[in-house]
Amino acid sequence: WMQNVALSWLVYRMTHSAFLLGVVGFAGQIPTFFITPFAGVF
């Protein structure tokens, strides 16, 4: 949880962009959508 908060603050401090906050969140979680179903079989 420390990393989650620090990462969002770092991105916003570097870019001041709500859109890039969304992009980073998307990048970190999109593998779950595509890989997790196969991971369940594994």
ModelCIF file with pLDDT and N, C-alpha, C, O atoms, coordinates in Angstrom:
data_MODEL
#
_entry.id   MODEL 
#
_entity.id                         1 
_entity.type                       polymer 
_entity.pdbx_number_of_molecules   1 
#
_entity_poly.entity_id                      1 
_entity_poly.type                           'polypeptide(L)' 
_entity_poly.nstd_linkage                   no 
_entity_poly.nstd_monomer                   no 
_entity_poly.pdbx_seq_one_letter_code       WMQNVALSWLVYRMTHSAFLLGVVGFAGQIPTFFITPFAGVF 
_entity_poly.pdbx_seq_one_letter_code_can   WMQNVALSWLVYRMTHSAFLLGVVGFAGQIPTFFITPFAGVF 
_entity_poly.pdbx_strand_id                 A 
#
loop_
_entity_poly_seq.entity_id 
_entity_poly_seq.num 
_entity_poly_seq.mon_id 
_entity_poly_seq.hetero 
1 1  TRP n 
1 2  MET n 
1 3  GLN n 
1 4  ASN n 
1 5  VAL n 
1 6  ALA n 
1 7  LEU n 
1 8  SER n 
1 9  TRP n 
1 10 LEU n 
1 11 VAL n 
1 12 TYR n 
1 13 ARG n 
1 14 MET n 
1 15 THR n 
1 16 HIS n 
1 17 SER n 
1 18 ALA n 
1 19 PHE n 
1 20 LEU n 
1 21 LEU n 
1 22 GLY n 
1 23 VAL n 
1 24 VAL n 
1 25 GLY n 
1 26 PHE n 
1 27 ALA n 
1 28 GLY n 
1 29 GLN n 
1 30 ILE n 
1 31 PRO n 
1 32 THR n 
1 33 PHE n 
1 34 PHE n 
1 35 ILE n 
1 36 THR n 
1 37 PRO n 
1 38 PHE n 
1 39 ALA n 
1 40 GLY n 
1 41 VAL n 
1 42 PHE n 
#
_struct_asym.id          A 
_struct_asym.entity_id   1 
#
loop_
_ma_qa_metric.id 
_ma_qa_metric.mode 
_ma_qa_metric.name 
_ma_qa_metric.software_group_id 
_ma_qa_metric.type 
1 global pLDDT . pLDDT 
2 local  pLDDT . pLDDT 
#
_ma_qa_metric_global.metric_id      1 
_ma_qa_metric_global.metric_value   83.12 
_ma_qa_metric_global.model_id       1 
_ma_qa_metric_global.ordinal_id     1 
#
loop_
_ma_qa_metric_local.label_asym_id 
_ma_qa_metric_local.label_comp_id 
_ma_qa_metric_local.label_seq_id 
_ma_qa_metric_local.metric_id 
_ma_qa_metric_local.metric_value 
_ma_qa_metric_local.model_id 
_ma_qa_metric_local.ordinal_id 
A TRP 1  2 87.00 1 1  
A MET 2  2 91.00 1 2  
A GLN 3  2 92.00 1 3  
A ASN 4  2 89.00 1 4  
A VAL 5  2 87.00 1 5  
A ALA 6  2 92.00 1 6  
A LEU 7  2 92.00 1 7  
A SER 8  2 87.00 1 8  
A TRP 9  2 88.00 1 9  
A LEU 10 2 92.00 1 10 
A VAL 11 2 91.00 1 11 
A TYR 12 2 86.00 1 12 
A ARG 13 2 87.00 1 13 
A MET 14 2 90.00 1 14 
A THR 15 2 88.00 1 15 
A HIS 16 2 83.00 1 16 
A SER 17 2 82.00 1 17 
A ALA 18 2 74.00 1 18 
A PHE 19 2 80.00 1 19 
A LEU 20 2 84.00 1 20 
A LEU 21 2 80.00 1 21 
A GLY 22 2 75.00 1 22 
A VAL 23 2 83.00 1 23 
A VAL 24 2 86.00 1 24 
A GLY 25 2 79.00 1 25 
A PHE 26 2 81.00 1 26 
A ALA 27 2 85.00 1 27 
A GLY 28 2 84.00 1 28 
A GLN 29 2 78.00 1 29 
A ILE 30 2 81.00 1 30 
A PRO 31 2 83.00 1 31 
A THR 32 2 76.00 1 32 
A PHE 33 2 77.00 1 33 
A PHE 34 2 81.00 1 34 
A ILE 35 2 82.00 1 35 
A THR 36 2 78.00 1 36 
A PRO 37 2 76.00 1 37 
A PHE 38 2 79.00 1 38 
A ALA 39 2 77.00 1 39 
A GLY 40 2 75.00 1 40 
A VAL 41 2 76.00 1 41 
A PHE 42 2 77.00 1 42 
#
loop_
_atom_site.group_PDB 
_atom_site.id 
_atom_site.type_symbol 
_atom_site.label_atom_id 
_atom_site.label_alt_id 
_atom_site.label_comp_id 
_atom_site.label_asym_id 
_atom_site.label_entity_id 
_atom_site.label_seq_id 
_atom_site.pdbx_PDB_ins_code 
_atom_site.Cartn_x 
_atom_site.Cartn_y 
_atom_site.Cartn_z 
_atom_site.occupancy 
_atom_site.B_iso_or_equiv 
_atom_site.pdbx_formal_charge 
_atom_site.auth_seq_id 
_atom_site.auth_comp_id 
_atom_site.auth_asym_id 
_atom_site.auth_atom_id 
_atom_site.pdbx_PDB_model_num 
ATOM 1   N N  . TRP A 1 1  ? 0.826  -1.208  0.000   1.00 87.00 ? 1  TRP A N  1 
ATOM 2   C CA . TRP A 1 1  ? 0.000  0.000   0.000   1.00 87.00 ? 1  TRP A CA 1 
ATOM 3   C C  . TRP A 1 1  ? 0.860  1.258   0.000   1.00 87.00 ? 1  TRP A C  1 
ATOM 4   O O  . TRP A 1 1  ? 0.473  2.275   -0.576  1.00 87.00 ? 1  TRP A O  1 
ATOM 5   N N  . MET A 1 2  ? 2.017  1.196   0.639   1.00 91.00 ? 2  MET A N  1 
ATOM 6   C CA . MET A 1 2  ? 2.940  2.326   0.568   1.00 91.00 ? 2  MET A CA 1 
ATOM 7   C C  . MET A 1 2  ? 3.368  2.566   -0.872  1.00 91.00 ? 2  MET A C  1 
ATOM 8   O O  . MET A 1 2  ? 3.435  3.707   -1.328  1.00 91.00 ? 2  MET A O  1 
ATOM 9   N N  . GLN A 1 3  ? 3.658  1.468   -1.590  1.00 92.00 ? 3  GLN A N  1 
ATOM 10  C CA . GLN A 1 3  ? 4.071  1.604   -2.990  1.00 92.00 ? 3  GLN A CA 1 
ATOM 11  C C  . GLN A 1 3  ? 2.936  2.139   -3.850  1.00 92.00 ? 3  GLN A C  1 
ATOM 12  O O  . GLN A 1 3  ? 3.171  2.974   -4.723  1.00 92.00 ? 3  GLN A O  1 
ATOM 13  N N  . ASN A 1 4  ? 1.705  1.676   -3.622  1.00 89.00 ? 4  ASN A N  1 
ATOM 14  C CA . ASN A 1 4  ? 0.576  2.146   -4.422  1.00 89.00 ? 4  ASN A CA 1 
ATOM 15  C C  . ASN A 1 4  ? 0.396  3.662   -4.327  1.00 89.00 ? 4  ASN A C  1 
ATOM 16  O O  . ASN A 1 4  ? 0.209  4.345   -5.334  1.00 89.00 ? 4  ASN A O  1 
ATOM 17  N N  . VAL A 1 5  ? 0.458  4.176   -3.084  1.00 87.00 ? 5  VAL A N  1 
ATOM 18  C CA . VAL A 1 5  ? 0.283  5.609   -2.878  1.00 87.00 ? 5  VAL A CA 1 
ATOM 19  C C  . VAL A 1 5  ? 1.464  6.381   -3.459  1.00 87.00 ? 5  VAL A C  1 
ATOM 20  O O  . VAL A 1 5  ? 1.282  7.392   -4.137  1.00 87.00 ? 5  VAL A O  1 
ATOM 21  N N  . ALA A 1 6  ? 2.669  5.898   -3.191  1.00 92.00 ? 6  ALA A N  1 
ATOM 22  C CA . ALA A 1 6  ? 3.870  6.592   -3.675  1.00 92.00 ? 6  ALA A CA 1 
ATOM 23  C C  . ALA A 1 6  ? 3.914  6.622   -5.199  1.00 92.00 ? 6  ALA A C  1 
ATOM 24  O O  . ALA A 1 6  ? 4.341  7.613   -5.791  1.00 92.00 ? 6  ALA A O  1 
ATOM 25  N N  . LEU A 1 7  ? 3.474  5.538   -5.833  1.00 92.00 ? 7  LEU A N  1 
ATOM 26  C CA . LEU A 1 7  ? 3.511  5.483   -7.295  1.00 92.00 ? 7  LEU A CA 1 
ATOM 27  C C  . LEU A 1 7  ? 2.540  6.480   -7.904  1.00 92.00 ? 7  LEU A C  1 
ATOM 28  O O  . LEU A 1 7  ? 2.892  7.185   -8.850  1.00 92.00 ? 7  LEU A O  1 
ATOM 29  N N  . SER A 1 8  ? 1.307  6.552   -7.369  1.00 87.00 ? 8  SER A N  1 
ATOM 30  C CA . SER A 1 8  ? 0.343  7.507   -7.917  1.00 87.00 ? 8  SER A CA 1 
ATOM 31  C C  . SER A 1 8  ? 0.813  8.939   -7.700  1.00 87.00 ? 8  SER A C  1 
ATOM 32  O O  . SER A 1 8  ? 0.631  9.790   -8.570  1.00 87.00 ? 8  SER A O  1 
ATOM 33  N N  . TRP A 1 9  ? 1.419  9.212   -6.538  1.00 88.00 ? 9  TRP A N  1 
ATOM 34  C CA . TRP A 1 9  ? 1.928  10.560  -6.276  1.00 88.00 ? 9  TRP A CA 1 
ATOM 35  C C  . TRP A 1 9  ? 3.097  10.891  -7.194  1.00 88.00 ? 9  TRP A C  1 
ATOM 36  O O  . TRP A 1 9  ? 3.202  12.012  -7.691  1.00 88.00 ? 9  TRP A O  1 
ATOM 37  N N  . LEU A 1 10 ? 3.975  9.915   -7.419  1.00 92.00 ? 10 LEU A N  1 
ATOM 38  C CA . LEU A 1 10 ? 5.131  10.122  -8.295  1.00 92.00 ? 10 LEU A CA 1 
ATOM 39  C C  . LEU A 1 10 ? 4.686  10.456  -9.711  1.00 92.00 ? 10 LEU A C  1 
ATOM 40  O O  . LEU A 1 10 ? 5.200  11.387  -10.330 1.00 92.00 ? 10 LEU A O  1 
ATOM 41  N N  . VAL A 1 11 ? 3.723  9.686   -10.221 1.00 91.00 ? 11 VAL A N  1 
ATOM 42  C CA . VAL A 1 11 ? 3.232  9.926   -11.579 1.00 91.00 ? 11 VAL A CA 1 
ATOM 43  C C  . VAL A 1 11 ? 2.600  11.310  -11.690 1.00 91.00 ? 11 VAL A C  1 
ATOM 44  O O  . VAL A 1 11 ? 2.848  12.036  -12.653 1.00 91.00 ? 11 VAL A O  1 
ATOM 45  N N  . TYR A 1 12 ? 1.787  11.670  -10.708 1.00 86.00 ? 12 TYR A N  1 
ATOM 46  C CA . TYR A 1 12 ? 1.117  12.971  -10.773 1.00 86.00 ? 12 TYR A CA 1 
ATOM 47  C C  . TYR A 1 12 ? 2.104  14.118  -10.588 1.00 86.00 ? 12 TYR A C  1 
ATOM 48  O O  . TYR A 1 12 ? 1.952  15.174  -11.203 1.00 86.00 ? 12 TYR A O  1 
ATOM 49  N N  . ARG A 1 13 ? 3.109  13.919  -9.747  1.00 87.00 ? 13 ARG A N  1 
ATOM 50  C CA . ARG A 1 13 ? 4.141  14.952  -9.549  1.00 87.00 ? 13 ARG A CA 1 
ATOM 51  C C  . ARG A 1 13 ? 4.954  15.161  -10.824 1.00 87.00 ? 13 ARG A C  1 
ATOM 52  O O  . ARG A 1 13 ? 5.336  16.286  -11.146 1.00 87.00 ? 13 ARG A O  1 
ATOM 53  N N  . MET A 1 14 ? 5.216  14.070  -11.548 1.00 90.00 ? 14 MET A N  1 
ATOM 54  C CA . MET A 1 14 ? 6.022  14.154  -12.757 1.00 90.00 ? 14 MET A CA 1 
ATOM 55  C C  . MET A 1 14 ? 5.239  14.719  -13.938 1.00 90.00 ? 14 MET A C  1 
ATOM 56  O O  . MET A 1 14 ? 5.811  15.402  -14.788 1.00 90.00 ? 14 MET A O  1 
ATOM 57  N N  . THR A 1 15 ? 3.936  14.444  -14.002 1.00 88.00 ? 15 THR A N  1 
ATOM 58  C CA . THR A 1 15 ? 3.171  14.762  -15.212 1.00 88.00 ? 15 THR A CA 1 
ATOM 59  C C  . THR A 1 15 ? 2.028  15.755  -15.007 1.00 88.00 ? 15 THR A C  1 
ATOM 60  O O  . THR A 1 15 ? 1.624  16.426  -15.956 1.00 88.00 ? 15 THR A O  1 
ATOM 61  N N  . HIS A 1 16 ? 1.498  15.863  -13.779 1.00 83.00 ? 16 HIS A N  1 
ATOM 62  C CA . HIS A 1 16 ? 0.295  16.676  -13.492 1.00 83.00 ? 16 HIS A CA 1 
ATOM 63  C C  . HIS A 1 16 ? -0.841 16.324  -14.436 1.00 83.00 ? 16 HIS A C  1 
ATOM 64  O O  . HIS A 1 16 ? -1.592 17.197  -14.873 1.00 83.00 ? 16 HIS A O  1 
ATOM 65  N N  . SER A 1 17 ? -0.962 15.032  -14.750 1.00 82.00 ? 17 SER A N  1 
ATOM 66  C CA . SER A 1 17 ? -1.957 14.591  -15.731 1.00 82.00 ? 17 SER A CA 1 
ATOM 67  C C  . SER A 1 17 ? -2.848 13.507  -15.141 1.00 82.00 ? 17 SER A C  1 
ATOM 68  O O  . SER A 1 17 ? -2.365 12.447  -14.741 1.00 82.00 ? 17 SER A O  1 
ATOM 69  N N  . ALA A 1 18 ? -4.167 13.777  -15.088 1.00 74.00 ? 18 ALA A N  1 
ATOM 70  C CA . ALA A 1 18 ? -5.123 12.757  -14.652 1.00 74.00 ? 18 ALA A CA 1 
ATOM 71  C C  . ALA A 1 18 ? -5.186 11.621  -15.672 1.00 74.00 ? 18 ALA A C  1 
ATOM 72  O O  . ALA A 1 18 ? -5.398 10.462  -15.314 1.00 74.00 ? 18 ALA A O  1 
ATOM 73  N N  . PHE A 1 19 ? -4.998 11.969  -16.952 1.00 80.00 ? 19 PHE A N  1 
ATOM 74  C CA . PHE A 1 19 ? -5.020 10.955  -17.995 1.00 80.00 ? 19 PHE A CA 1 
ATOM 75  C C  . PHE A 1 19 ? -3.892 9.946   -17.811 1.00 80.00 ? 19 PHE A C  1 
ATOM 76  O O  . PHE A 1 19 ? -4.120 8.742   -17.934 1.00 80.00 ? 19 PHE A O  1 
ATOM 77  N N  . LEU A 1 20 ? -2.666 10.419  -17.515 1.00 84.00 ? 20 LEU A N  1 
ATOM 78  C CA . LEU A 1 20 ? -1.537 9.509   -17.326 1.00 84.00 ? 20 LEU A CA 1 
ATOM 79  C C  . LEU A 1 20 ? -1.670 8.693   -16.045 1.00 84.00 ? 20 LEU A C  1 
ATOM 80  O O  . LEU A 1 20 ? -1.163 7.574   -15.964 1.00 84.00 ? 20 LEU A O  1 
ATOM 81  N N  . LEU A 1 21 ? -2.349 9.246   -15.050 1.00 80.00 ? 21 LEU A N  1 
ATOM 82  C CA . LEU A 1 21 ? -2.670 8.437   -13.878 1.00 80.00 ? 21 LEU A CA 1 
ATOM 83  C C  . LEU A 1 21 ? -3.516 7.234   -14.291 1.00 80.00 ? 21 LEU A C  1 
ATOM 84  O O  . LEU A 1 21 ? -3.299 6.112   -13.833 1.00 80.00 ? 21 LEU A O  1 
ATOM 85  N N  . GLY A 1 22 ? -4.480 7.496   -15.164 1.00 75.00 ? 22 GLY A N  1 
ATOM 86  C CA . GLY A 1 22 ? -5.321 6.421   -15.672 1.00 75.00 ? 22 GLY A CA 1 
ATOM 87  C C  . GLY A 1 22 ? -4.534 5.429   -16.514 1.00 75.00 ? 22 GLY A C  1 
ATOM 88  O O  . GLY A 1 22 ? -4.775 4.224   -16.440 1.00 75.00 ? 22 GLY A O  1 
ATOM 89  N N  . VAL A 1 23 ? -3.594 5.924   -17.316 1.00 83.00 ? 23 VAL A N  1 
ATOM 90  C CA . VAL A 1 23 ? -2.779 5.057   -18.171 1.00 83.00 ? 23 VAL A CA 1 
ATOM 91  C C  . VAL A 1 23 ? -1.925 4.123   -17.324 1.00 83.00 ? 23 VAL A C  1 
ATOM 92  O O  . VAL A 1 23 ? -1.850 2.927   -17.604 1.00 83.00 ? 23 VAL A O  1 
ATOM 93  N N  . VAL A 1 24 ? -1.283 4.655   -16.294 1.00 86.00 ? 24 VAL A N  1 
ATOM 94  C CA . VAL A 1 24 ? -0.437 3.831   -15.426 1.00 86.00 ? 24 VAL A CA 1 
ATOM 95  C C  . VAL A 1 24 ? -1.277 2.797   -14.683 1.00 86.00 ? 24 VAL A C  1 
ATOM 96  O O  . VAL A 1 24 ? -0.872 1.643   -14.546 1.00 86.00 ? 24 VAL A O  1 
ATOM 97  N N  . GLY A 1 25 ? -2.457 3.217   -14.201 1.00 79.00 ? 25 GLY A N  1 
ATOM 98  C CA . GLY A 1 25 ? -3.351 2.259   -13.562 1.00 79.00 ? 25 GLY A CA 1 
ATOM 99  C C  . GLY A 1 25 ? -3.787 1.168   -14.524 1.00 79.00 ? 25 GLY A C  1 
ATOM 100 O O  . GLY A 1 25 ? -3.856 -0.004  -14.155 1.00 79.00 ? 25 GLY A O  1 
ATOM 101 N N  . PHE A 1 26 ? -4.082 1.557   -15.762 1.00 81.00 ? 26 PHE A N  1 
ATOM 102 C CA . PHE A 1 26 ? -4.469 0.600   -16.803 1.00 81.00 ? 26 PHE A CA 1 
ATOM 103 C C  . PHE A 1 26 ? -3.340 -0.387  -17.067 1.00 81.00 ? 26 PHE A C  1 
ATOM 104 O O  . PHE A 1 26 ? -3.575 -1.592  -17.161 1.00 81.00 ? 26 PHE A O  1 
ATOM 105 N N  . ALA A 1 27 ? -2.108 0.121   -17.188 1.00 85.00 ? 27 ALA A N  1 
ATOM 106 C CA . ALA A 1 27 ? -0.962 -0.727  -17.499 1.00 85.00 ? 27 ALA A CA 1 
ATOM 107 C C  . ALA A 1 27 ? -0.707 -1.755  -16.398 1.00 85.00 ? 27 ALA A C  1 
ATOM 108 O O  . ALA A 1 27 ? -0.341 -2.898  -16.675 1.00 85.00 ? 27 ALA A O  1 
ATOM 109 N N  . GLY A 1 28 ? -0.904 -1.337  -15.147 1.00 84.00 ? 28 GLY A N  1 
ATOM 110 C CA . GLY A 1 28 ? -0.632 -2.238  -14.039 1.00 84.00 ? 28 GLY A CA 1 
ATOM 111 C C  . GLY A 1 28 ? -1.684 -3.308  -13.839 1.00 84.00 ? 28 GLY A C  1 
ATOM 112 O O  . GLY A 1 28 ? -1.424 -4.323  -13.192 1.00 84.00 ? 28 GLY A O  1 
ATOM 113 N N  . GLN A 1 29 ? -2.869 -3.094  -14.388 1.00 78.00 ? 29 GLN A N  1 
ATOM 114 C CA . GLN A 1 29 ? -3.966 -4.018  -14.094 1.00 78.00 ? 29 GLN A CA 1 
ATOM 115 C C  . GLN A 1 29 ? -4.514 -4.754  -15.312 1.00 78.00 ? 29 GLN A C  1 
ATOM 116 O O  . GLN A 1 29 ? -5.256 -5.725  -15.162 1.00 78.00 ? 29 GLN A O  1 
ATOM 117 N N  . ILE A 1 30 ? -4.160 -4.306  -16.513 1.00 81.00 ? 30 ILE A N  1 
ATOM 118 C CA . ILE A 1 30 ? -4.694 -4.954  -17.704 1.00 81.00 ? 30 ILE A CA 1 
ATOM 119 C C  . ILE A 1 30 ? -4.232 -6.401  -17.849 1.00 81.00 ? 30 ILE A C  1 
ATOM 120 O O  . ILE A 1 30 ? -4.992 -7.216  -18.371 1.00 81.00 ? 30 ILE A O  1 
ATOM 121 N N  . PRO A 1 31 ? -3.003 -6.768  -17.407 1.00 83.00 ? 31 PRO A N  1 
ATOM 122 C CA . PRO A 1 31 ? -2.630 -8.188  -17.503 1.00 83.00 ? 31 PRO A CA 1 
ATOM 123 C C  . PRO A 1 31 ? -3.589 -9.103  -16.758 1.00 83.00 ? 31 PRO A C  1 
ATOM 124 O O  . PRO A 1 31 ? -3.790 -10.251 -17.154 1.00 83.00 ? 31 PRO A O  1 
ATOM 125 N N  . THR A 1 32 ? -4.182 -8.598  -15.682 1.00 76.00 ? 32 THR A N  1 
ATOM 126 C CA . THR A 1 32 ? -5.120 -9.408  -14.911 1.00 76.00 ? 32 THR A CA 1 
ATOM 127 C C  . THR A 1 32 ? -6.290 -9.852  -15.777 1.00 76.00 ? 32 THR A C  1 
ATOM 128 O O  . THR A 1 32 ? -6.760 -10.984 -15.659 1.00 76.00 ? 32 THR A O  1 
ATOM 129 N N  . PHE A 1 33 ? -6.758 -8.971  -16.640 1.00 77.00 ? 33 PHE A N  1 
ATOM 130 C CA . PHE A 1 33 ? -7.911 -9.281  -17.484 1.00 77.00 ? 33 PHE A CA 1 
ATOM 131 C C  . PHE A 1 33 ? -7.592 -10.390 -18.477 1.00 77.00 ? 33 PHE A C  1 
ATOM 132 O O  . PHE A 1 33 ? -8.413 -11.283 -18.686 1.00 77.00 ? 33 PHE A O  1 
ATOM 133 N N  . PHE A 1 34 ? -6.409 -10.350 -19.095 1.00 81.00 ? 34 PHE A N  1 
ATOM 134 C CA . PHE A 1 34 ? -6.078 -11.291 -20.151 1.00 81.00 ? 34 PHE A CA 1 
ATOM 135 C C  . PHE A 1 34 ? -5.414 -12.574 -19.648 1.00 81.00 ? 34 PHE A C  1 
ATOM 136 O O  . PHE A 1 34 ? -5.622 -13.644 -20.221 1.00 81.00 ? 34 PHE A O  1 
ATOM 137 N N  . ILE A 1 35 ? -4.616 -12.474 -18.582 1.00 82.00 ? 35 ILE A N  1 
ATOM 138 C CA . ILE A 1 35 ? -3.822 -13.623 -18.140 1.00 82.00 ? 35 ILE A CA 1 
ATOM 139 C C  . ILE A 1 35 ? -4.513 -14.446 -17.064 1.00 82.00 ? 35 ILE A C  1 
ATOM 140 O O  . ILE A 1 35 ? -4.369 -15.669 -17.032 1.00 82.00 ? 35 ILE A O  1 
ATOM 141 N N  . THR A 1 36 ? -5.268 -13.787 -16.174 1.00 78.00 ? 36 THR A N  1 
ATOM 142 C CA . THR A 1 36 ? -5.824 -14.471 -15.016 1.00 78.00 ? 36 THR A CA 1 
ATOM 143 C C  . THR A 1 36 ? -6.658 -15.702 -15.355 1.00 78.00 ? 36 THR A C  1 
ATOM 144 O O  . THR A 1 36 ? -6.524 -16.708 -14.657 1.00 78.00 ? 36 THR A O  1 
ATOM 145 N N  . PRO A 1 37 ? -7.523 -15.691 -16.395 1.00 76.00 ? 37 PRO A N  1 
ATOM 146 C CA . PRO A 1 37 ? -8.287 -16.907 -16.698 1.00 76.00 ? 37 PRO A CA 1 
ATOM 147 C C  . PRO A 1 37 ? -7.391 -18.122 -16.961 1.00 76.00 ? 37 PRO A C  1 
ATOM 148 O O  . PRO A 1 37 ? -7.699 -19.229 -16.519 1.00 76.00 ? 37 PRO A O  1 
ATOM 149 N N  . PHE A 1 38 ? -6.279 -17.914 -17.682 1.00 79.00 ? 38 PHE A N  1 
ATOM 150 C CA . PHE A 1 38 ? -5.338 -19.009 -17.933 1.00 79.00 ? 38 PHE A CA 1 
ATOM 151 C C  . PHE A 1 38 ? -4.582 -19.368 -16.662 1.00 79.00 ? 38 PHE A C  1 
ATOM 152 O O  . PHE A 1 38 ? -4.253 -20.530 -16.425 1.00 79.00 ? 38 PHE A O  1 
ATOM 153 N N  . ALA A 1 39 ? -4.311 -18.352 -15.848 1.00 77.00 ? 39 ALA A N  1 
ATOM 154 C CA . ALA A 1 39 ? -3.633 -18.594 -14.577 1.00 77.00 ? 39 ALA A CA 1 
ATOM 155 C C  . ALA A 1 39 ? -4.471 -19.491 -13.680 1.00 77.00 ? 39 ALA A C  1 
ATOM 156 O O  . ALA A 1 39 ? -3.928 -20.299 -12.926 1.00 77.00 ? 39 ALA A O  1 
ATOM 157 N N  . GLY A 1 40 ? -5.797 -19.354 -13.757 1.00 75.00 ? 40 GLY A N  1 
ATOM 158 C CA . GLY A 1 40 ? -6.675 -20.200 -12.960 1.00 75.00 ? 40 GLY A CA 1 
ATOM 159 C C  . GLY A 1 40 ? -6.500 -21.677 -13.299 1.00 75.00 ? 40 GLY A C  1 
ATOM 160 O O  . GLY A 1 40 ? -6.489 -22.522 -12.403 1.00 75.00 ? 40 GLY A O  1 
ATOM 161 N N  . VAL A 1 41 ? -6.365 -21.993 -14.583 1.00 76.00 ? 41 VAL A N  1 
ATOM 162 C CA . VAL A 1 41 ? -6.103 -23.371 -15.003 1.00 76.00 ? 41 VAL A CA 1 
ATOM 163 C C  . VAL A 1 41 ? -4.769 -23.832 -14.431 1.00 76.00 ? 41 VAL A C  1 
ATOM 164 O O  . VAL A 1 41 ? -4.655 -24.954 -13.937 1.00 76.00 ? 41 VAL A O  1 
ATOM 165 N N  . PHE A 1 42 ? -3.762 -22.970 -14.497 1.00 77.00 ? 42 PHE A N  1 
ATOM 166 C CA . PHE A 1 42 ? -2.424 -23.266 -13.990 1.00 77.00 ? 42 PHE A CA 1 
ATOM 167 C C  . PHE A 1 42 ? -2.472 -23.545 -12.492 1.00 77.00 ? 42 PHE A C  1 
ATOM 168 O O  . PHE A 1 42 ? -1.438 -23.815 -11.881 1.00 77.00 ? 42 PHE A O  1 
#
